[in-house]
Amino acid sequence: MRAPPPLAHALVCLDLQRGRLGTPSSTEAEALGACQDALVQARSLRWPVLHVHSRLHAGEAARSIEGLEPLPSEAVYVRNGPSPFSNRNFTLAVQALGGPLALIGFGLSDTVLATAFAAADRDLGCQVVSDAVVSPPGDRLGPRHPLFGLMSQLGLVTREDLFQQGARRFAAANMP
């Protein structure tokens, strides 16, 4: 018999570093605003928040994007590979939490995709928060996108859906 799912997700903030910022666009600004909103909501619900940074960035480019900085109580994991699971401490932390993971940040066809596949390989529940994922122009989430190959193991949600799911699960768990 499988244990019931946990009531909260772990919010995984992927590569929210200044070096990932592209040419200013309304699409990027909207997605970053959605990231900030997701971060605020997750913190208010006391979800675990895990920040992942790429080792590829150095100096100013390695710094967090303004408004998306980790709190002193939130862990930051530096990834060497395409997903945060390349960091052993991240893997151990996520396995201890047991999922599910809610992914926000950069970028749809690299870090987010690699993280979703790595989570699926470890049987961890994973949801991509589609409106809080920054993608370069031309990178669209359509039926031919590689993420759709994971749809049996992956959820594709908006911020609103993500936080309403948590409220519904909490209410169901506390029904008399």
C-alpha atoms as a PDB file:
ATOM      1  CA  MET A   1       0.000   0.000   0.000  1.00  0.00           C
ATOM      2  CA  ARG A   2       1.369   3.360  -0.993  1.00  0.00           C
ATOM      3  CA  ALA A   3       1.508   6.232   1.507  1.00  0.00           C
ATOM      4  CA  PRO A   4      -0.818   9.183   0.846  1.00  0.00           C
ATOM      5  CA  PRO A   5       0.814  12.111  -0.931  1.00  0.00           C
ATOM      6  CA  PRO A   6       2.202  14.910   1.221  1.00  0.00           C
ATOM      7  CA  LEU A   7       0.069  18.005   1.636  1.00  0.00           C
ATOM      8  CA  ALA A   8       2.714  20.426   0.371  1.00  0.00           C
ATOM      9  CA  HIS A   9       4.987  20.613  -2.594  1.00  0.00           C
ATOM     10  CA  ALA A  10       8.606  21.625  -2.515  1.00  0.00           C
ATOM     11  CA  LEU A  11       9.101  24.673  -4.713  1.00  0.00           C
ATOM     12  CA  VAL A  12      12.233  24.303  -6.835  1.00  0.00           C
ATOM     13  CA  CYS A  13      13.536  27.628  -8.194  1.00  0.00           C
ATOM     14  CA  LEU A  14      15.728  26.813 -11.194  1.00  0.00           C
ATOM     15  CA  ASP A  15      18.539  29.125 -12.299  1.00  0.00           C
ATOM     16  CA  LEU A  16      16.946  32.393 -11.182  1.00  0.00           C
ATOM     17  CA  GLN A  17      20.291  34.076 -11.805  1.00  0.00           C
ATOM     18  CA  ARG A  18      21.125  37.346 -13.520  1.00  0.00           C
ATOM     19  CA  GLY A  19      23.198  35.526 -16.138  1.00  0.00           C
ATOM     20  CA  ARG A  20      20.042  33.820 -17.419  1.00  0.00           C
ATOM     21  CA  LEU A  21      18.251  37.085 -18.164  1.00  0.00           C
ATOM     22  CA  GLY A  22      17.784  37.661 -21.862  1.00  0.00           C
ATOM     23  CA  THR A  23      16.902  40.718 -23.843  1.00  0.00           C
ATOM     24  CA  PRO A  24      14.101  42.365 -21.888  1.00  0.00           C
ATOM     25  CA  SER A  25      10.732  41.174 -23.164  1.00  0.00           C
ATOM     26  CA  SER A  26       7.185  41.222 -21.865  1.00  0.00           C
ATOM     27  CA  THR A  27       7.073  37.406 -21.947  1.00  0.00           C
ATOM     28  CA  GLU A  28      10.171  37.109 -19.737  1.00  0.00           C
ATOM     29  CA  ALA A  29       8.910  39.838 -17.412  1.00  0.00           C
ATOM     30  CA  GLU A  30       5.532  38.071 -17.028  1.00  0.00           C
ATOM     31  CA  ALA A  31       7.173  34.715 -16.272  1.00  0.00           C
ATOM     32  CA  LEU A  32       9.540  36.294 -13.734  1.00  0.00           C
ATOM     33  CA  GLY A  33       6.580  38.038 -12.096  1.00  0.00           C
ATOM     34  CA  ALA A  34       4.868  34.642 -11.914  1.00  0.00           C
ATOM     35  CA  CYS A  35       8.032  33.181 -10.340  1.00  0.00           C
ATOM     36  CA  GLN A  36       7.989  35.909  -7.713  1.00  0.00           C
ATOM     37  CA  ASP A  37       4.298  35.309  -7.009  1.00  0.00           C
ATOM     38  CA  ALA A  38       4.847  31.527  -6.710  1.00  0.00           C
ATOM     39  CA  LEU A  39       7.761  32.118  -4.349  1.00  0.00           C
ATOM     40  CA  VAL A  40       5.709  34.441  -2.132  1.00  0.00           C
ATOM     41  CA  GLN A  41       2.774  32.007  -2.028  1.00  0.00           C
ATOM     42  CA  ALA A  42       4.976  28.966  -1.304  1.00  0.00           C
ATOM     43  CA  ARG A  43       6.695  30.820   1.526  1.00  0.00           C
ATOM     44  CA  SER A  44       3.365  31.931   3.000  1.00  0.00           C
ATOM     45  CA  LEU A  45       2.243  28.280   3.003  1.00  0.00           C
ATOM     46  CA  ARG A  46       5.593  27.257   4.543  1.00  0.00           C
ATOM     47  CA  TRP A  47       6.495  24.970   1.669  1.00  0.00           C
ATOM     48  CA  PRO A  48      10.137  23.951   1.443  1.00  0.00           C
ATOM     49  CA  VAL A  49      11.872  26.202  -1.105  1.00  0.00           C
ATOM     50  CA  LEU A  50      14.982  24.918  -2.861  1.00  0.00           C
ATOM     51  CA  HIS A  51      17.055  27.254  -5.022  1.00  0.00           C
ATOM     52  CA  VAL A  52      19.247  25.825  -7.759  1.00  0.00           C
ATOM     53  CA  HIS A  53      22.003  27.813  -9.451  1.00  0.00           C
ATOM     54  CA  SER A  54      24.141  26.883 -12.411  1.00  0.00           C
ATOM     55  CA  ARG A  55      27.880  26.733 -11.903  1.00  0.00           C
ATOM     56  CA  LEU A  56      28.285  28.164 -15.427  1.00  0.00           C
ATOM     57  CA  HIS A  57      27.682  31.697 -14.172  1.00  0.00           C
ATOM     58  CA  ALA A  58      30.291  33.679 -12.273  1.00  0.00           C
ATOM     59  CA  GLY A  59      30.535  37.090 -10.678  1.00  0.00           C
ATOM     60  CA  GLU A  60      27.527  39.350 -11.148  1.00  0.00           C
ATOM     61  CA  ALA A  61      25.898  36.825 -13.513  1.00  0.00           C
ATOM     62  CA  ALA A  62      25.827  34.224 -10.715  1.00  0.00           C
ATOM     63  CA  ARG A  63      23.814  36.472  -8.386  1.00  0.00           C
ATOM     64  CA  SER A  64      20.102  35.907  -7.891  1.00  0.00           C
ATOM     65  CA  ILE A  65      17.647  38.025  -9.844  1.00  0.00           C
ATOM     66  CA  GLU A  66      16.416  40.933  -7.757  1.00  0.00           C
ATOM     67  CA  GLY A  67      13.207  40.003  -5.938  1.00  0.00           C
ATOM     68  CA  LEU A  68      13.894  36.270  -6.312  1.00  0.00           C
ATOM     69  CA  GLU A  69      16.736  35.945  -3.810  1.00  0.00           C
ATOM     70  CA  PRO A  70      16.801  33.015  -1.376  1.00  0.00           C
ATOM     71  CA  LEU A  71      16.012  33.697   2.261  1.00  0.00           C
ATOM     72  CA  PRO A  72      18.786  32.795   4.723  1.00  0.00           C
ATOM     73  CA  SER A  73      16.734  29.739   5.746  1.00  0.00           C
ATOM     74  CA  GLU A  74      16.447  28.438   2.148  1.00  0.00           C
ATOM     75  CA  ALA A  75      19.071  26.126   0.720  1.00  0.00           C
ATOM     76  CA  VAL A  76      20.910  26.965  -2.496  1.00  0.00           C
ATOM     77  CA  TYR A  77      22.285  24.060  -4.534  1.00  0.00           C
ATOM     78  CA  VAL A  78      24.811  24.538  -7.303  1.00  0.00           C
ATOM     79  CA  ARG A  79      24.347  22.199 -10.220  1.00  0.00           C
ATOM     80  CA  ASN A  80      27.184  20.938 -12.398  1.00  0.00           C
ATOM     81  CA  GLY A  81      25.034  18.989 -14.838  1.00  0.00           C
ATOM     82  CA  PRO A  82      21.836  19.720 -16.709  1.00  0.00           C
ATOM     83  CA  SER A  83      19.569  19.145 -13.687  1.00  0.00           C
ATOM     84  CA  PRO A  84      19.870  19.856  -9.960  1.00  0.00           C
ATOM     85  CA  PHE A  85      20.031  16.094  -9.392  1.00  0.00           C
ATOM     86  CA  SER A  86      23.691  16.409 -10.449  1.00  0.00           C
ATOM     87  CA  ASN A  87      24.192  17.829  -6.935  1.00  0.00           C
ATOM     88  CA  ARG A  88      24.182  14.962  -4.437  1.00  0.00           C
ATOM     89  CA  ASN A  89      22.933  17.173  -1.597  1.00  0.00           C
ATOM     90  CA  PHE A  90      19.950  18.312  -3.678  1.00  0.00           C
ATOM     91  CA  THR A  91      19.114  14.696  -4.475  1.00  0.00           C
ATOM     92  CA  LEU A  92      19.263  13.737  -0.798  1.00  0.00           C
ATOM     93  CA  ALA A  93      17.153  16.723   0.255  1.00  0.00           C
ATOM     94  CA  VAL A  94      14.463  16.033  -2.342  1.00  0.00           C
ATOM     95  CA  GLN A  95      14.360  12.335  -1.524  1.00  0.00           C
ATOM     96  CA  ALA A  96      13.942  13.206   2.166  1.00  0.00           C
ATOM     97  CA  LEU A  97      11.059  15.542   1.305  1.00  0.00           C
ATOM     98  CA  GLY A  98       9.505  12.861  -0.901  1.00  0.00           C
ATOM     99  CA  GLY A  99       8.043  15.286  -3.412  1.00  0.00           C
ATOM    100  CA  PRO A 100       6.047  16.424  -5.133  1.00  0.00           C
ATOM    101  CA  LEU A 101       8.215  19.067  -6.745  1.00  0.00           C
ATOM    102  CA  ALA A 102       6.872  22.254  -8.318  1.00  0.00           C
ATOM    103  CA  LEU A 103       9.352  23.628 -10.874  1.00  0.00           C
ATOM    104  CA  ILE A 104       9.698  27.326 -11.718  1.00  0.00           C
ATOM    105  CA  GLY A 105      12.461  29.369 -13.348  1.00  0.00           C
ATOM    106  CA  PHE A 106      14.737  28.949 -16.371  1.00  0.00           C
ATOM    107  CA  GLY A 107      14.466  27.358 -18.947  1.00  0.00           C
ATOM    108  CA  LEU A 108      11.814  25.151 -20.456  1.00  0.00           C
ATOM    109  CA  SER A 109      13.975  23.136 -22.843  1.00  0.00           C
ATOM    110  CA  ASP A 110      17.079  22.823 -20.697  1.00  0.00           C
ATOM    111  CA  THR A 111      17.059  22.873 -16.885  1.00  0.00           C
ATOM    112  CA  VAL A 112      13.297  22.393 -16.432  1.00  0.00           C
ATOM    113  CA  LEU A 113      13.198  19.535 -18.943  1.00  0.00           C
ATOM    114  CA  ALA A 114      16.271  17.821 -17.455  1.00  0.00           C
ATOM    115  CA  THR A 115      14.867  18.194 -13.926  1.00  0.00           C
ATOM    116  CA  ALA A 116      11.487  16.763 -14.913  1.00  0.00           C
ATOM    117  CA  PHE A 117      13.142  13.718 -16.524  1.00  0.00           C
ATOM    118  CA  ALA A 118      15.455  13.199 -13.531  1.00  0.00           C
ATOM    119  CA  ALA A 119      12.509  13.422 -11.108  1.00  0.00           C
ATOM    120  CA  ALA A 120      10.577  10.880 -13.191  1.00  0.00           C
ATOM    121  CA  ASP A 121      13.597   8.544 -13.106  1.00  0.00           C
ATOM    122  CA  ARG A 122      13.415   8.711  -9.300  1.00  0.00           C
ATOM    123  CA  ASP A 123       9.619   8.247  -9.106  1.00  0.00           C
ATOM    124  CA  LEU A 124       9.190  11.702  -7.609  1.00  0.00           C
ATOM    125  CA  GLY A 125       6.010  13.594  -8.357  1.00  0.00           C
ATOM    126  CA  CYS A 126       6.751  16.688 -10.377  1.00  0.00           C
ATOM    127  CA  GLN A 127       4.751  19.581 -11.737  1.00  0.00           C
ATOM    128  CA  VAL A 128       5.942  22.258 -14.115  1.00  0.00           C
ATOM    129  CA  VAL A 129       4.348  25.592 -13.285  1.00  0.00           C
ATOM    130  CA  SER A 130       3.897  26.639 -16.902  1.00  0.00           C
ATOM    131  CA  ASP A 131       3.285  30.349 -16.330  1.00  0.00           C
ATOM    132  CA  ALA A 132       6.364  30.582 -14.065  1.00  0.00           C
ATOM    133  CA  VAL A 133       8.852  29.061 -16.505  1.00  0.00           C
ATOM    134  CA  VAL A 134      10.957  31.361 -18.644  1.00  0.00           C
ATOM    135  CA  SER A 135      11.596  30.224 -22.195  1.00  0.00           C
ATOM    136  CA  PRO A 136      13.554  31.799 -25.008  1.00  0.00           C
ATOM    137  CA  PRO A 137      11.566  33.132 -27.953  1.00  0.00           C
ATOM    138  CA  GLY A 138      10.359  30.317 -30.170  1.00  0.00           C
ATOM    139  CA  ASP A 139      10.509  27.698 -27.396  1.00  0.00           C
ATOM    140  CA  ARG A 140       6.849  26.871 -26.947  1.00  0.00           C
ATOM    141  CA  LEU A 141       5.158  24.224 -24.886  1.00  0.00           C
ATOM    142  CA  GLY A 142       3.137  22.391 -27.498  1.00  0.00           C
ATOM    143  CA  PRO A 143       2.195  18.746 -28.095  1.00  0.00           C
ATOM    144  CA  ARG A 144       5.564  18.023 -29.701  1.00  0.00           C
ATOM    145  CA  HIS A 145       7.604  19.358 -26.804  1.00  0.00           C
ATOM    146  CA  PRO A 146       9.661  16.626 -25.052  1.00  0.00           C
ATOM    147  CA  LEU A 147       7.840  17.282 -21.753  1.00  0.00           C
ATOM    148  CA  PHE A 148       4.719  15.739 -23.242  1.00  0.00           C
ATOM    149  CA  GLY A 149       6.514  12.388 -23.274  1.00  0.00           C
ATOM    150  CA  LEU A 150       6.375  12.530 -19.464  1.00  0.00           C
ATOM    151  CA  MET A 151       2.710  13.422 -19.115  1.00  0.00           C
ATOM    152  CA  SER A 152       1.896  10.164 -17.306  1.00  0.00           C
ATOM    153  CA  GLN A 153       4.402  11.157 -14.587  1.00  0.00           C
ATOM    154  CA  LEU A 154       4.352  14.935 -14.839  1.00  0.00           C
ATOM    155  CA  GLY A 155       1.793  17.583 -14.118  1.00  0.00           C
ATOM    156  CA  LEU A 156       1.599  20.751 -16.124  1.00  0.00           C
ATOM    157  CA  VAL A 157      -0.123  23.429 -14.048  1.00  0.00           C
ATOM    158  CA  THR A 158      -0.458  27.162 -13.647  1.00  0.00           C
ATOM    159  CA  ARG A 159       0.344  28.950 -10.382  1.00  0.00           C
ATOM    160  CA  GLU A 160      -3.342  29.249  -9.623  1.00  0.00           C
ATOM    161  CA  ASP A 161      -3.902  25.503 -10.145  1.00  0.00           C
ATOM    162  CA  LEU A 162      -0.870  24.600  -8.056  1.00  0.00           C
ATOM    163  CA  PHE A 163      -1.917  26.547  -4.995  1.00  0.00           C
ATOM    164  CA  GLN A 164      -5.603  25.565  -5.302  1.00  0.00           C
ATOM    165  CA  GLN A 165      -4.580  21.878  -5.418  1.00  0.00           C
ATOM    166  CA  GLY A 166      -2.764  22.300  -2.135  1.00  0.00           C
ATOM    167  CA  ALA A 167      -5.784  23.964  -0.542  1.00  0.00           C
ATOM    168  CA  ARG A 168      -8.115  21.195  -1.782  1.00  0.00           C
ATOM    169  CA  ARG A 169      -5.787  18.459  -0.468  1.00  0.00           C
ATOM    170  CA  PHE A 170      -5.503  20.236   2.879  1.00  0.00           C
ATOM    171  CA  ALA A 171      -9.282  20.577   3.145  1.00  0.00           C
ATOM    172  CA  ALA A 172      -9.813  16.897   2.212  1.00  0.00           C
ATOM    173  CA  ALA A 173      -7.240  15.766   4.771  1.00  0.00           C
ATOM    174  CA  ASN A 174      -8.979  17.755   7.495  1.00  0.00           C
ATOM    175  CA  MET A 175     -12.580  16.743   6.731  1.00  0.00           C
ATOM    176  CA  PRO A 176     -14.390  15.042   9.622  1.00  0.00           C
END
